[in-house]
Amino acid sequence: MNSWINLDALWRIIVVGLLAGAGLPALFAVGLLALAPQSRPDAPGTDRPTAGVLGYAVAGLCFAVVLAAIGWGIAVIVNHS
């Protein structure tokens, strides 16, 4: 163990930074992708394709996780000041 660098704290910072810095925007993008209409040219009588119930459920779950992470971050900031 280096006396100048706390390696235990360093790996924790890297993991949280990757999850919050890249993971949450990626999860938000998955939610937007789940809301995107799926084109089905073989479906008769459909003028406008929809995302479907599963798409809405996946998008809602992704957005709920992102909002929970934002709320947790705000709570951590408020409680530490």
C-alpha atoms as a PDB file:
ATOM      1  CA  MET A   1       0.000   0.000   0.000  1.00  0.00           C
ATOM      2  CA  ASN A   2       1.307   3.364  -0.984  1.00  0.00           C
ATOM      3  CA  SER A   3       1.382   5.940   1.769  1.00  0.00           C
ATOM      4  CA  TRP A   4       0.342   8.711  -0.629  1.00  0.00           C
ATOM      5  CA  ILE A   5      -2.512   6.953  -2.388  1.00  0.00           C
ATOM      6  CA  ASN A   6      -5.350   5.136  -0.678  1.00  0.00           C
ATOM      7  CA  LEU A   7      -6.029   2.383  -3.221  1.00  0.00           C
ATOM      8  CA  ASP A   8      -9.212   1.241  -1.479  1.00  0.00           C
ATOM      9  CA  ALA A   9     -10.741   4.698  -1.824  1.00  0.00           C
ATOM     10  CA  LEU A  10      -9.419   5.048  -5.373  1.00  0.00           C
ATOM     11  CA  TRP A  11     -11.172   1.972  -6.724  1.00  0.00           C
ATOM     12  CA  ARG A  12     -14.418   3.007  -5.030  1.00  0.00           C
ATOM     13  CA  ILE A  13     -14.223   6.442  -6.643  1.00  0.00           C
ATOM     14  CA  ILE A  14     -13.581   4.882 -10.047  1.00  0.00           C
ATOM     15  CA  VAL A  15     -16.515   2.456  -9.753  1.00  0.00           C
ATOM     16  CA  VAL A  16     -18.976   5.110  -8.594  1.00  0.00           C
ATOM     17  CA  GLY A  17     -17.703   7.515 -11.244  1.00  0.00           C
ATOM     18  CA  LEU A  18     -18.216   4.968 -13.996  1.00  0.00           C
ATOM     19  CA  LEU A  19     -21.677   4.021 -12.768  1.00  0.00           C
ATOM     20  CA  ALA A  20     -22.869   7.601 -12.309  1.00  0.00           C
ATOM     21  CA  GLY A  21     -20.896   9.146 -15.152  1.00  0.00           C
ATOM     22  CA  ALA A  22     -21.560   6.587 -17.864  1.00  0.00           C
ATOM     23  CA  GLY A  23     -24.137   4.214 -16.416  1.00  0.00           C
ATOM     24  CA  LEU A  24     -26.964   6.633 -15.729  1.00  0.00           C
ATOM     25  CA  PRO A  25     -26.826   8.349 -19.140  1.00  0.00           C
ATOM     26  CA  ALA A  26     -26.668   4.914 -20.785  1.00  0.00           C
ATOM     27  CA  LEU A  27     -29.689   3.779 -18.773  1.00  0.00           C
ATOM     28  CA  PHE A  28     -31.545   6.938 -19.799  1.00  0.00           C
ATOM     29  CA  ALA A  29     -30.695   6.163 -23.435  1.00  0.00           C
ATOM     30  CA  VAL A  30     -32.067   2.632 -23.029  1.00  0.00           C
ATOM     31  CA  GLY A  31     -35.285   4.154 -21.697  1.00  0.00           C
ATOM     32  CA  LEU A  32     -35.551   6.443 -24.704  1.00  0.00           C
ATOM     33  CA  LEU A  33     -34.844   3.541 -27.029  1.00  0.00           C
ATOM     34  CA  ALA A  34     -37.622   1.541 -25.372  1.00  0.00           C
ATOM     35  CA  LEU A  35     -40.039   4.396 -26.112  1.00  0.00           C
ATOM     36  CA  ALA A  36     -39.035   4.568 -29.772  1.00  0.00           C
ATOM     37  CA  PRO A  37     -41.739   3.250 -32.055  1.00  0.00           C
ATOM     38  CA  GLN A  38     -40.986  -0.102 -33.631  1.00  0.00           C
ATOM     39  CA  SER A  39     -41.658  -0.017 -37.355  1.00  0.00           C
ATOM     40  CA  ARG A  40     -43.656  -2.988 -38.577  1.00  0.00           C
ATOM     41  CA  PRO A  41     -44.276  -2.700 -42.305  1.00  0.00           C
ATOM     42  CA  ASP A  42     -46.142  -6.033 -42.377  1.00  0.00           C
ATOM     43  CA  ALA A  43     -48.814  -4.979 -39.871  1.00  0.00           C
ATOM     44  CA  PRO A  44     -52.076  -4.336 -41.721  1.00  0.00           C
ATOM     45  CA  GLY A  45     -54.112  -1.269 -40.890  1.00  0.00           C
ATOM     46  CA  THR A  46     -51.563   0.449 -38.682  1.00  0.00           C
ATOM     47  CA  ASP A  47     -50.718   3.968 -39.712  1.00  0.00           C
ATOM     48  CA  ARG A  48     -48.604   4.819 -36.709  1.00  0.00           C
ATOM     49  CA  PRO A  49     -46.495   2.242 -34.874  1.00  0.00           C
ATOM     50  CA  THR A  50     -46.347   2.340 -31.090  1.00  0.00           C
ATOM     51  CA  ALA A  51     -43.748   1.323 -28.533  1.00  0.00           C
ATOM     52  CA  GLY A  52     -45.984  -1.272 -26.871  1.00  0.00           C
ATOM     53  CA  VAL A  53     -46.667  -2.108 -23.253  1.00  0.00           C
ATOM     54  CA  LEU A  54     -43.292  -3.769 -22.717  1.00  0.00           C
ATOM     55  CA  GLY A  55     -41.514  -0.713 -24.107  1.00  0.00           C
ATOM     56  CA  TYR A  56     -43.372   1.573 -21.732  1.00  0.00           C
ATOM     57  CA  ALA A  57     -42.608  -0.712 -18.779  1.00  0.00           C
ATOM     58  CA  VAL A  58     -38.886  -0.861 -19.586  1.00  0.00           C
ATOM     59  CA  ALA A  59     -38.744   2.895 -20.150  1.00  0.00           C
ATOM     60  CA  GLY A  60     -40.575   3.580 -16.887  1.00  0.00           C
ATOM     61  CA  LEU A  61     -38.195   1.330 -14.976  1.00  0.00           C
ATOM     62  CA  CYS A  62     -35.131   2.981 -16.525  1.00  0.00           C
ATOM     63  CA  PHE A  63     -36.420   6.482 -15.828  1.00  0.00           C
ATOM     64  CA  ALA A  64     -37.370   5.530 -12.257  1.00  0.00           C
ATOM     65  CA  VAL A  65     -33.831   4.295 -11.575  1.00  0.00           C
ATOM     66  CA  VAL A  66     -32.343   7.491 -13.017  1.00  0.00           C
ATOM     67  CA  LEU A  67     -34.693   9.667 -10.952  1.00  0.00           C
ATOM     68  CA  ALA A  68     -33.927   7.650  -7.819  1.00  0.00           C
ATOM     69  CA  ALA A  69     -30.200   8.149  -8.381  1.00  0.00           C
ATOM     70  CA  ILE A  70     -30.722  11.886  -8.827  1.00  0.00           C
ATOM     71  CA  GLY A  71     -32.804  12.046  -5.649  1.00  0.00           C
ATOM     72  CA  TRP A  72     -30.208  10.036  -3.724  1.00  0.00           C
ATOM     73  CA  GLY A  73     -27.459  12.369  -4.934  1.00  0.00           C
ATOM     74  CA  ILE A  74     -29.404  15.424  -3.850  1.00  0.00           C
ATOM     75  CA  ALA A  75     -30.104  13.847  -0.448  1.00  0.00           C
ATOM     76  CA  VAL A  76     -26.414  13.079   0.039  1.00  0.00           C
ATOM     77  CA  ILE A  77     -25.441  16.653  -0.819  1.00  0.00           C
ATOM     78  CA  VAL A  78     -28.084  18.187   1.453  1.00  0.00           C
ATOM     79  CA  ASN A  79     -27.255  15.940   4.415  1.00  0.00           C
ATOM     80  CA  HIS A  80     -23.526  16.612   4.215  1.00  0.00           C
ATOM     81  CA  SER A  81     -23.712  20.381   4.261  1.00  0.00           C
END
